[in-house]
N, C-alpha and C. Protein backbone atom coordinates (compact mmCIF):
# COMPACT_ATOMS: atom_id res chain seq x y z
N MET A 1 266.52 129.99 381.92
CA MET A 1 266.35 129.13 382.47
C MET A 1 265.47 128.19 382.24
N HIS A 2 265.39 126.89 382.41
CA HIS A 2 264.31 125.50 381.88
C HIS A 2 263.59 125.39 383.11
N ILE A 3 262.05 125.41 382.75
CA ILE A 3 261.02 125.14 383.53
C ILE A 3 260.64 123.75 383.29
N ASP A 4 260.44 122.70 383.88
CA ASP A 4 260.06 121.28 382.94
C ASP A 4 258.21 121.70 383.26
N TYR A 5 257.63 120.61 382.09
CA TYR A 5 256.34 120.46 381.81
C TYR A 5 255.99 120.23 383.07
N PRO A 6 254.29 120.41 383.49
CA PRO A 6 253.74 119.95 384.71
C PRO A 6 253.69 118.50 384.67
N ASP A 7 253.47 117.96 386.00
CA ASP A 7 253.09 116.18 385.72
C ASP A 7 251.39 116.36 385.31
N GLU A 8 250.67 114.82 385.04
CA GLU A 8 249.62 114.93 384.39
C GLU A 8 248.47 115.27 385.26
N GLN A 9 248.96 115.02 386.67
CA GLN A 9 247.58 115.77 387.56
C GLN A 9 247.84 116.96 387.83
N THR A 10 248.55 117.47 387.75
CA THR A 10 248.86 119.36 387.75
C THR A 10 249.04 120.01 386.58
N GLU A 11 249.01 119.03 385.28
CA GLU A 11 248.30 119.83 384.02
C GLU A 11 246.60 119.84 384.18
N ALA A 12 246.06 118.59 384.58
CA ALA A 12 244.90 118.51 384.44
C ALA A 12 244.36 119.96 385.37
N LYS A 13 244.89 120.02 386.68
CA LYS A 13 244.30 121.28 387.39
C LYS A 13 244.62 122.38 386.92
N ILE A 14 245.83 122.49 386.20
CA ILE A 14 245.61 123.98 385.29
C ILE A 14 244.37 123.97 384.58
N ILE A 15 244.13 122.96 383.53
CA ILE A 15 243.27 123.14 382.45
C ILE A 15 242.04 123.24 383.29
N SER A 16 241.61 122.69 384.36
CA SER A 16 240.20 122.67 385.21
C SER A 16 240.21 124.02 385.50
N GLN A 17 241.35 124.68 385.92
CA GLN A 17 241.24 125.93 386.31
C GLN A 17 241.00 127.34 385.09
N GLN A 18 241.56 126.89 384.16
CA GLN A 18 241.63 127.69 383.18
C GLN A 18 240.23 127.62 381.85
N VAL A 19 239.57 126.32 382.37
CA VAL A 19 238.48 126.11 381.20
C VAL A 19 237.49 125.41 382.42
N PRO A 20 236.63 126.27 383.18
CA PRO A 20 236.14 125.80 384.60
C PRO A 20 235.09 125.13 384.04
N GLU A 21 234.42 125.19 382.31
CA GLU A 21 233.19 124.45 382.22
C GLU A 21 233.65 123.27 381.84
N ILE A 22 235.00 122.73 381.62
CA ILE A 22 235.31 121.40 381.48
C ILE A 22 235.12 120.30 382.25
N SER A 23 234.76 119.10 381.79
CA SER A 23 234.47 118.03 383.27
C SER A 23 236.13 117.43 383.51
N VAL A 24 235.98 117.14 384.65
CA VAL A 24 237.03 116.34 384.82
C VAL A 24 237.69 115.23 384.48
N ALA A 25 236.90 114.68 383.94
CA ALA A 25 237.03 113.30 382.67
C ALA A 25 238.11 113.73 381.78
N LEU A 26 237.66 114.95 381.03
CA LEU A 26 238.20 115.56 379.59
C LEU A 26 239.48 116.78 379.88
N ALA A 27 239.40 116.91 381.01
CA ALA A 27 240.80 117.71 381.60
C ALA A 27 241.87 116.68 381.96
N SER A 28 241.46 115.81 382.80
CA SER A 28 242.40 114.49 382.80
C SER A 28 242.86 113.77 381.30
N HIS A 29 241.95 113.66 380.47
CA HIS A 29 242.13 112.85 379.08
C HIS A 29 242.95 113.71 378.37
N VAL A 30 242.86 115.16 378.43
CA VAL A 30 243.52 115.76 377.60
C VAL A 30 245.02 116.20 378.38
N ALA A 31 245.00 115.89 379.82
CA ALA A 31 246.32 116.46 380.13
C ALA A 31 247.40 114.83 379.93
N ARG A 32 246.59 113.86 379.90
CA ARG A 32 247.32 112.53 379.46
C ARG A 32 247.98 112.63 378.17
N VAL A 33 247.22 113.17 377.30
CA VAL A 33 247.43 113.08 375.65
C VAL A 33 248.61 114.33 375.69
N LEU A 34 248.71 115.10 376.56
CA LEU A 34 249.68 116.03 376.63
C LEU A 34 250.67 115.66 376.86
N VAL A 35 251.00 115.04 378.29
CA VAL A 35 252.33 114.03 378.26
C VAL A 35 252.72 113.35 377.21
N HIS A 36 251.70 112.19 377.17
CA HIS A 36 252.27 111.51 375.93
C HIS A 36 252.58 111.92 374.77
N LEU A 37 252.32 112.97 374.27
CA LEU A 37 253.06 114.00 372.86
C LEU A 37 254.15 114.18 373.20
N ARG A 38 254.21 114.90 374.25
CA ARG A 38 255.74 115.55 374.70
C ARG A 38 256.66 114.63 375.25
N ARG A 39 256.43 113.24 375.01
CA ARG A 39 257.40 111.93 374.98
C ARG A 39 257.95 111.66 373.70
N LEU A 40 257.11 112.49 372.48
CA LEU A 40 257.15 111.54 371.25
C LEU A 40 258.84 112.23 370.63
N GLY A 41 259.36 113.18 371.39
CA GLY A 41 259.92 113.81 370.31
C GLY A 41 259.96 114.56 369.35
N LEU A 42 258.89 115.24 369.36
CA LEU A 42 258.37 116.31 368.42
C LEU A 42 258.86 117.36 368.36
N ARG A 43 258.78 117.98 367.05
CA ARG A 43 260.15 119.14 367.13
C ARG A 43 259.44 120.67 367.29
N LYS A 44 258.23 120.68 368.10
CA LYS A 44 257.32 121.30 368.82
C LYS A 44 256.24 120.65 369.42
N PRO A 45 257.01 120.50 370.55
CA PRO A 45 256.14 119.52 371.95
C PRO A 45 255.28 121.09 372.11
N PRO A 46 253.72 120.40 372.59
CA PRO A 46 253.16 121.32 372.95
C PRO A 46 253.04 122.19 374.53
N SER A 47 252.59 123.42 374.43
CA SER A 47 253.25 124.20 375.25
C SER A 47 251.96 123.77 376.21
N ILE A 48 251.88 124.02 377.73
CA ILE A 48 250.90 124.28 378.66
C ILE A 48 249.69 125.27 377.86
N SER A 49 250.12 126.32 377.40
CA SER A 49 249.17 127.61 376.68
C SER A 49 247.73 126.78 375.72
N GLU A 50 249.14 125.96 374.92
CA GLU A 50 248.06 125.29 373.47
C GLU A 50 247.28 123.89 374.10
N GLY A 51 247.66 123.36 375.20
CA GLY A 51 247.05 122.26 375.84
C GLY A 51 245.64 123.22 376.27
N ILE A 52 245.60 123.76 376.46
CA ILE A 52 244.76 124.93 377.33
C ILE A 52 243.96 125.40 376.00
N ASP A 53 244.15 125.90 375.08
CA ASP A 53 243.51 126.10 374.18
C ASP A 53 243.04 124.76 373.15
N TRP A 54 243.63 123.60 373.24
CA TRP A 54 242.88 122.42 372.55
C TRP A 54 241.77 121.90 373.60
N ALA A 55 242.10 122.37 374.63
CA ALA A 55 240.88 121.58 375.81
C ALA A 55 239.79 122.78 375.28
N ARG A 56 239.65 123.68 375.37
CA ARG A 56 238.60 124.49 375.20
C ARG A 56 238.07 124.56 373.78
N CYS A 57 238.81 124.13 372.75
CA CYS A 57 238.58 123.84 371.70
C CYS A 57 237.57 122.50 371.45
N LEU A 58 238.16 121.29 372.37
CA LEU A 58 237.49 120.25 372.41
C LEU A 58 236.03 120.31 373.09
N ARG A 59 235.87 120.93 374.03
CA ARG A 59 235.00 121.41 375.47
C ARG A 59 233.85 122.35 374.21
N VAL A 60 234.11 123.23 373.50
CA VAL A 60 233.27 124.03 372.91
C VAL A 60 232.70 123.03 371.66
N LEU A 61 233.30 122.34 371.32
CA LEU A 61 232.69 121.32 369.56
C LEU A 61 231.83 120.22 370.60
N ASP A 62 232.18 119.67 372.01
CA ASP A 62 232.10 118.59 372.56
C ASP A 62 232.23 117.46 371.92
N VAL A 63 233.48 117.27 371.77
CA VAL A 63 233.55 115.74 370.85
C VAL A 63 234.71 115.39 371.63
N ASP A 64 234.69 113.75 371.61
CA ASP A 64 235.42 112.78 371.80
C ASP A 64 236.86 112.72 371.36
N ILE A 65 238.17 112.81 372.31
CA ILE A 65 239.13 113.17 372.02
C ILE A 65 239.69 111.96 371.00
N ASP A 66 239.58 110.93 371.12
CA ASP A 66 239.82 109.78 370.13
C ASP A 66 239.16 109.84 368.92
N ASP A 67 237.77 109.89 368.97
CA ASP A 67 236.92 110.00 367.56
C ASP A 67 237.42 111.21 366.78
N HIS A 68 238.10 112.43 367.15
CA HIS A 68 238.30 113.31 366.53
C HIS A 68 239.62 114.20 366.63
N LEU A 69 240.64 113.05 367.10
CA LEU A 69 241.91 113.44 367.30
C LEU A 69 242.63 114.18 365.88
N GLY A 70 242.65 113.47 364.80
CA GLY A 70 243.23 114.02 363.76
C GLY A 70 242.88 115.30 363.09
N ARG A 71 241.19 115.65 363.62
CA ARG A 71 240.69 117.00 363.17
C ARG A 71 241.19 118.38 364.11
N SER A 72 241.38 117.75 365.15
CA SER A 72 241.77 118.49 366.50
C SER A 72 243.33 118.96 366.31
N LEU A 73 243.88 117.97 366.40
CA LEU A 73 245.56 117.86 366.44
C LEU A 73 246.08 119.44 365.86
N PRO A 74 245.77 119.97 364.82
CA PRO A 74 246.31 121.03 364.26
C PRO A 74 246.22 122.22 365.13
N VAL A 75 245.03 122.27 366.13
CA VAL A 75 245.23 123.33 367.27
C VAL A 75 246.12 123.22 368.03
N LEU A 76 246.56 121.92 368.30
CA LEU A 76 247.76 121.91 369.67
C LEU A 76 248.77 121.64 368.75
N LEU A 77 249.17 121.23 367.67
CA LEU A 77 250.48 120.77 366.84
C LEU A 77 250.56 121.59 365.81
N LYS A 78 251.88 122.02 365.35
CA LYS A 78 251.83 123.44 364.21
C LYS A 78 252.58 122.70 363.22
N SER A 79 253.12 121.76 363.13
CA SER A 79 253.71 121.27 362.02
C SER A 79 253.02 119.77 361.45
N ARG A 80 253.35 119.46 360.42
CA ARG A 80 252.35 118.55 359.78
C ARG A 80 253.13 116.88 359.94
N GLU A 81 254.75 117.22 360.07
CA GLU A 81 255.66 116.28 360.49
C GLU A 81 255.07 115.79 362.09
N ASP A 82 254.68 116.81 363.21
CA ASP A 82 254.30 116.38 364.51
C ASP A 82 253.00 115.38 364.60
N ILE A 83 252.05 116.41 363.53
CA ILE A 83 250.85 115.73 363.19
C ILE A 83 251.11 114.54 363.07
N GLU A 84 251.69 113.70 362.22
CA GLU A 84 251.97 112.80 361.76
C GLU A 84 252.36 111.56 362.92
N ILE A 85 253.36 112.26 363.43
CA ILE A 85 253.75 111.24 364.69
C ILE A 85 252.81 111.04 365.44
N ALA A 86 252.16 112.32 365.91
CA ALA A 86 251.22 112.02 367.22
C ALA A 86 250.01 110.96 366.13
N LEU A 87 249.59 110.96 365.30
CA LEU A 87 248.52 110.20 364.79
C LEU A 87 249.07 108.66 364.81
N ALA A 88 250.46 108.47 364.28
CA ALA A 88 250.85 107.46 364.60
C ALA A 88 250.66 106.42 365.82
N ALA A 89 251.08 107.28 366.68
CA ALA A 89 251.30 107.33 368.42
C ALA A 89 250.07 106.54 369.09
N ALA A 90 248.76 107.22 368.57
CA ALA A 90 247.53 107.06 368.69
C ALA A 90 246.99 105.93 368.23
N ALA A 91 247.59 105.65 366.81
CA ALA A 91 246.72 104.40 366.35
C ALA A 91 247.78 103.20 367.12
N ASP A 92 248.98 103.42 367.40
CA ASP A 92 249.43 102.43 368.13
C ASP A 92 248.91 102.49 369.75
N GLY A 93 247.92 103.32 370.02
CA GLY A 93 247.56 103.15 371.39
C GLY A 93 247.88 103.63 372.44
N SER A 94 248.90 104.63 372.15
CA SER A 94 249.72 105.43 373.07
C SER A 94 249.03 106.62 374.15
N PHE A 95 247.72 106.98 373.37
CA PHE A 95 247.12 107.69 374.32
C PHE A 95 246.27 107.06 375.17
N SER A 96 246.13 105.92 375.48
CA SER A 96 244.97 104.99 376.25
C SER A 96 245.48 105.04 377.57
């Protein structure tokens, strides 16, 4: 049975519930990036749980997604090709 990914607002709520110490702004930004990543046709799009792990990582490190995207993507994406696709999309401004 196929269950689709949540929309951006629902994903932000899920992230906020699972990472209670995260700011609303960061949870929303993470959710927005996840939605965009899943539209890129990646070999392995990020799951909800991988998104939660990534949000925890960003929160603990207290870093800005945009400034540290390249260094934090391996937490979220598992293949080099997917990371390169994501970085190219970020360079085009797709995540803003």
